[in-house]
N, C-alpha and C. Protein backbone atom coordinates (compact mmCIF):
# COMPACT_ATOMS: atom_id res chain seq x y z
N MET A 1 20.76 -39.43 7.05
CA MET A 1 20.48 -39.23 8.46
C MET A 1 20.51 -40.56 9.21
N GLY A 2 19.89 -41.59 8.67
CA GLY A 2 19.92 -42.89 9.32
C GLY A 2 21.24 -43.57 9.04
N SER A 3 21.52 -44.65 9.77
CA SER A 3 22.77 -45.37 9.54
C SER A 3 22.71 -46.13 8.22
N PRO A 4 23.87 -46.32 7.58
CA PRO A 4 23.89 -47.01 6.28
C PRO A 4 23.43 -48.46 6.39
N LYS A 5 22.81 -48.96 5.33
CA LYS A 5 22.35 -50.35 5.25
C LYS A 5 23.05 -51.00 4.07
N SER A 6 23.35 -52.27 4.22
CA SER A 6 23.97 -53.03 3.15
C SER A 6 23.06 -53.05 1.93
N GLY A 7 23.65 -53.11 0.75
CA GLY A 7 22.87 -53.16 -0.49
C GLY A 7 22.21 -54.50 -0.73
N HIS A 8 22.35 -55.43 0.19
CA HIS A 8 21.79 -56.77 0.03
C HIS A 8 20.40 -56.90 0.66
N HIS A 9 19.74 -55.80 0.90
CA HIS A 9 18.42 -55.82 1.53
C HIS A 9 17.42 -55.05 0.68
N HIS A 10 16.14 -55.36 0.85
CA HIS A 10 15.10 -54.62 0.15
C HIS A 10 14.87 -53.27 0.84
N ASP A 11 14.11 -52.40 0.19
CA ASP A 11 13.92 -51.02 0.68
C ASP A 11 13.33 -50.96 2.08
N LEU A 12 12.48 -51.91 2.43
CA LEU A 12 11.79 -51.86 3.72
C LEU A 12 12.56 -52.56 4.85
N TYR A 13 13.78 -53.00 4.57
CA TYR A 13 14.57 -53.71 5.58
C TYR A 13 14.75 -52.83 6.81
N GLN A 14 14.25 -53.29 7.93
CA GLN A 14 14.34 -52.59 9.22
C GLN A 14 13.89 -51.13 9.15
N ILE A 15 12.84 -50.88 8.36
CA ILE A 15 12.37 -49.50 8.16
C ILE A 15 11.87 -48.87 9.45
N GLU A 16 11.23 -49.68 10.31
CA GLU A 16 10.72 -49.14 11.56
C GLU A 16 11.86 -48.58 12.42
N GLY A 17 12.94 -49.37 12.54
CA GLY A 17 14.09 -48.91 13.33
C GLY A 17 14.76 -47.70 12.70
N SER A 18 14.86 -47.69 11.38
CA SER A 18 15.47 -46.55 10.69
C SER A 18 14.65 -45.29 10.88
N LEU A 19 13.31 -45.42 10.80
CA LEU A 19 12.45 -44.25 10.99
C LEU A 19 12.56 -43.74 12.42
N LYS A 20 12.59 -44.64 13.38
CA LYS A 20 12.74 -44.22 14.79
C LYS A 20 14.07 -43.50 15.00
N GLU A 21 15.12 -44.01 14.36
CA GLU A 21 16.44 -43.39 14.47
C GLU A 21 16.42 -41.96 13.90
N ILE A 22 15.80 -41.80 12.74
CA ILE A 22 15.72 -40.48 12.11
C ILE A 22 14.88 -39.53 12.97
N LEU A 23 13.76 -40.01 13.48
CA LEU A 23 12.91 -39.15 14.32
C LEU A 23 13.62 -38.76 15.60
N SER A 24 14.43 -39.65 16.14
CA SER A 24 15.21 -39.35 17.33
C SER A 24 16.23 -38.25 17.05
N LEU A 25 16.89 -38.34 15.89
CA LEU A 25 17.87 -37.31 15.52
C LEU A 25 17.19 -35.95 15.33
N LEU A 26 16.02 -35.95 14.71
CA LEU A 26 15.28 -34.70 14.54
C LEU A 26 14.88 -34.12 15.89
N SER A 27 14.45 -34.98 16.80
CA SER A 27 14.06 -34.54 18.13
C SER A 27 15.24 -33.93 18.88
N GLU A 28 16.41 -34.61 18.80
CA GLU A 28 17.61 -34.09 19.45
C GLU A 28 18.00 -32.72 18.91
N ALA A 29 17.74 -32.50 17.63
CA ALA A 29 18.06 -31.22 17.00
C ALA A 29 16.93 -30.20 17.19
N GLU A 30 15.91 -30.60 17.94
CA GLU A 30 14.74 -29.76 18.21
C GLU A 30 14.04 -29.34 16.93
N ILE A 31 13.93 -30.31 15.99
CA ILE A 31 13.21 -30.09 14.74
C ILE A 31 11.91 -30.86 14.81
N ASP A 32 10.79 -30.16 14.68
CA ASP A 32 9.47 -30.80 14.72
C ASP A 32 9.21 -31.52 13.40
N HIS A 33 8.90 -32.79 13.48
CA HIS A 33 8.67 -33.59 12.28
C HIS A 33 7.21 -33.63 11.85
N LYS A 34 6.31 -33.16 12.69
CA LYS A 34 4.88 -33.22 12.37
C LYS A 34 4.57 -32.32 11.17
N GLY A 35 3.89 -32.88 10.18
CA GLY A 35 3.53 -32.13 8.99
C GLY A 35 4.54 -32.23 7.87
N LEU A 36 5.67 -32.90 8.12
CA LEU A 36 6.65 -33.09 7.05
C LEU A 36 6.12 -34.08 6.02
N PHE A 37 6.63 -34.00 4.82
CA PHE A 37 6.31 -34.94 3.74
C PHE A 37 7.45 -35.95 3.62
N ILE A 38 7.11 -37.17 3.30
CA ILE A 38 8.13 -38.14 2.89
C ILE A 38 7.75 -38.60 1.50
N ASN A 39 8.66 -38.42 0.57
CA ASN A 39 8.46 -38.86 -0.81
C ASN A 39 9.26 -40.14 -1.01
N ALA A 40 8.59 -41.18 -1.48
CA ALA A 40 9.28 -42.46 -1.66
C ALA A 40 8.71 -43.21 -2.86
N ASP A 41 9.55 -44.05 -3.44
CA ASP A 41 9.10 -44.86 -4.58
C ASP A 41 8.31 -46.08 -4.09
N ALA A 42 7.85 -46.87 -5.04
CA ALA A 42 6.97 -48.00 -4.73
C ALA A 42 7.65 -49.06 -3.87
N GLY A 43 8.94 -49.08 -3.80
CA GLY A 43 9.64 -50.03 -2.95
C GLY A 43 9.36 -49.81 -1.47
N PHE A 44 8.86 -48.64 -1.12
CA PHE A 44 8.54 -48.32 0.27
C PHE A 44 7.05 -48.41 0.57
N ASP A 45 6.26 -48.94 -0.37
CA ASP A 45 4.82 -49.06 -0.17
C ASP A 45 4.53 -50.20 0.79
N SER A 46 4.22 -49.84 2.02
CA SER A 46 3.94 -50.80 3.08
C SER A 46 2.88 -50.21 4.00
N GLU A 47 1.89 -51.01 4.32
CA GLU A 47 0.84 -50.54 5.23
C GLU A 47 1.43 -50.19 6.60
N ASN A 48 2.39 -51.00 7.07
CA ASN A 48 3.03 -50.72 8.37
C ASN A 48 3.74 -49.37 8.36
N LEU A 49 4.48 -49.08 7.29
CA LEU A 49 5.17 -47.80 7.20
C LEU A 49 4.17 -46.67 7.12
N ARG A 50 3.13 -46.82 6.33
CA ARG A 50 2.10 -45.77 6.22
C ARG A 50 1.46 -45.50 7.59
N GLN A 51 1.20 -46.56 8.35
CA GLN A 51 0.60 -46.40 9.68
C GLN A 51 1.55 -45.68 10.63
N MET A 52 2.84 -46.06 10.57
CA MET A 52 3.83 -45.38 11.43
C MET A 52 3.89 -43.89 11.11
N LEU A 53 3.93 -43.57 9.81
CA LEU A 53 4.01 -42.17 9.41
C LEU A 53 2.75 -41.41 9.83
N GLU A 54 1.60 -42.04 9.67
CA GLU A 54 0.36 -41.39 10.08
C GLU A 54 0.35 -41.14 11.59
N LYS A 55 0.81 -42.12 12.36
CA LYS A 55 0.88 -41.97 13.81
C LYS A 55 1.78 -40.80 14.20
N GLU A 56 2.87 -40.63 13.46
CA GLU A 56 3.82 -39.54 13.74
C GLU A 56 3.42 -38.22 13.07
N LYS A 57 2.27 -38.22 12.40
CA LYS A 57 1.75 -37.04 11.72
C LYS A 57 2.69 -36.55 10.61
N ILE A 58 3.27 -37.53 9.89
CA ILE A 58 4.11 -37.26 8.73
C ILE A 58 3.31 -37.65 7.50
N ILE A 59 3.28 -36.80 6.51
CA ILE A 59 2.48 -37.04 5.31
C ILE A 59 3.26 -37.94 4.35
N ALA A 60 2.69 -39.10 4.05
CA ALA A 60 3.35 -40.08 3.19
C ALA A 60 2.94 -39.86 1.74
N ASN A 61 3.92 -39.57 0.90
CA ASN A 61 3.71 -39.50 -0.54
C ASN A 61 4.51 -40.65 -1.13
N ILE A 62 3.89 -41.84 -1.09
CA ILE A 62 4.56 -43.07 -1.49
C ILE A 62 3.82 -43.66 -2.68
N LYS A 63 4.55 -43.89 -3.75
CA LYS A 63 3.93 -44.48 -4.94
C LYS A 63 3.37 -45.85 -4.59
N THR A 64 2.16 -46.12 -5.01
CA THR A 64 1.52 -47.41 -4.76
C THR A 64 2.18 -48.49 -5.59
N HIS A 65 2.49 -49.59 -4.94
CA HIS A 65 3.09 -50.73 -5.64
C HIS A 65 1.98 -51.74 -5.92
N LEU A 66 1.84 -52.15 -7.15
CA LEU A 66 0.73 -53.04 -7.53
C LEU A 66 0.82 -54.41 -6.88
N ARG A 67 1.95 -54.80 -6.32
CA ARG A 67 2.01 -56.07 -5.60
C ARG A 67 1.13 -56.01 -4.34
N ASN A 68 0.94 -54.80 -3.82
CA ASN A 68 0.13 -54.62 -2.62
C ASN A 68 -1.32 -54.28 -2.95
N ASN A 69 -1.53 -53.64 -4.09
CA ASN A 69 -2.85 -53.15 -4.46
C ASN A 69 -3.09 -53.44 -5.93
N LYS A 70 -4.20 -54.03 -6.24
CA LYS A 70 -4.51 -54.31 -7.64
C LYS A 70 -4.93 -53.04 -8.37
N THR A 71 -5.44 -52.08 -7.65
CA THR A 71 -5.76 -50.77 -8.23
C THR A 71 -5.06 -49.72 -7.38
N ALA A 72 -4.49 -48.74 -8.02
CA ALA A 72 -3.77 -47.69 -7.31
C ALA A 72 -4.73 -46.87 -6.46
N LYS A 73 -4.25 -46.48 -5.27
CA LYS A 73 -5.04 -45.65 -4.37
C LYS A 73 -4.39 -44.27 -4.29
N ASN A 74 -5.21 -43.25 -4.15
CA ASN A 74 -4.70 -41.91 -3.94
C ASN A 74 -4.71 -41.67 -2.44
N TYR A 75 -3.53 -41.69 -1.81
CA TYR A 75 -3.46 -41.55 -0.37
C TYR A 75 -3.52 -40.11 0.09
N ILE A 76 -3.15 -39.18 -0.77
CA ILE A 76 -3.18 -37.77 -0.37
C ILE A 76 -4.48 -37.17 -0.90
N ASN A 77 -5.24 -36.61 0.00
CA ASN A 77 -6.48 -35.92 -0.37
C ASN A 77 -6.09 -34.50 -0.73
N GLU A 78 -6.14 -34.18 -2.01
CA GLU A 78 -5.70 -32.87 -2.47
C GLU A 78 -6.44 -31.72 -1.81
N GLY A 79 -7.65 -31.94 -1.36
CA GLY A 79 -8.41 -30.91 -0.70
C GLY A 79 -7.88 -30.58 0.69
N SER A 80 -7.07 -31.48 1.27
CA SER A 80 -6.55 -31.25 2.61
C SER A 80 -5.21 -30.56 2.64
N ILE A 81 -4.64 -30.32 1.46
CA ILE A 81 -3.30 -29.69 1.42
C ILE A 81 -3.45 -28.19 1.26
């Protein structure tokens, strides 16, 4: 859905712009993104990305990367699903 990125960048390269581009495409197609899940590997573990997704009411299922956290956190509260 987003525009292609060169393979010479890390997973989070311009993630904010890519997410805005994807959300814009969904909006143009009249698809509501609130409540959607995003599944991503540890390469996408970023507090900024998590905050953006939370602001947009998108549920982040992102594997915790130990470079960011010394102990893994459970971000999804199973009781809320």
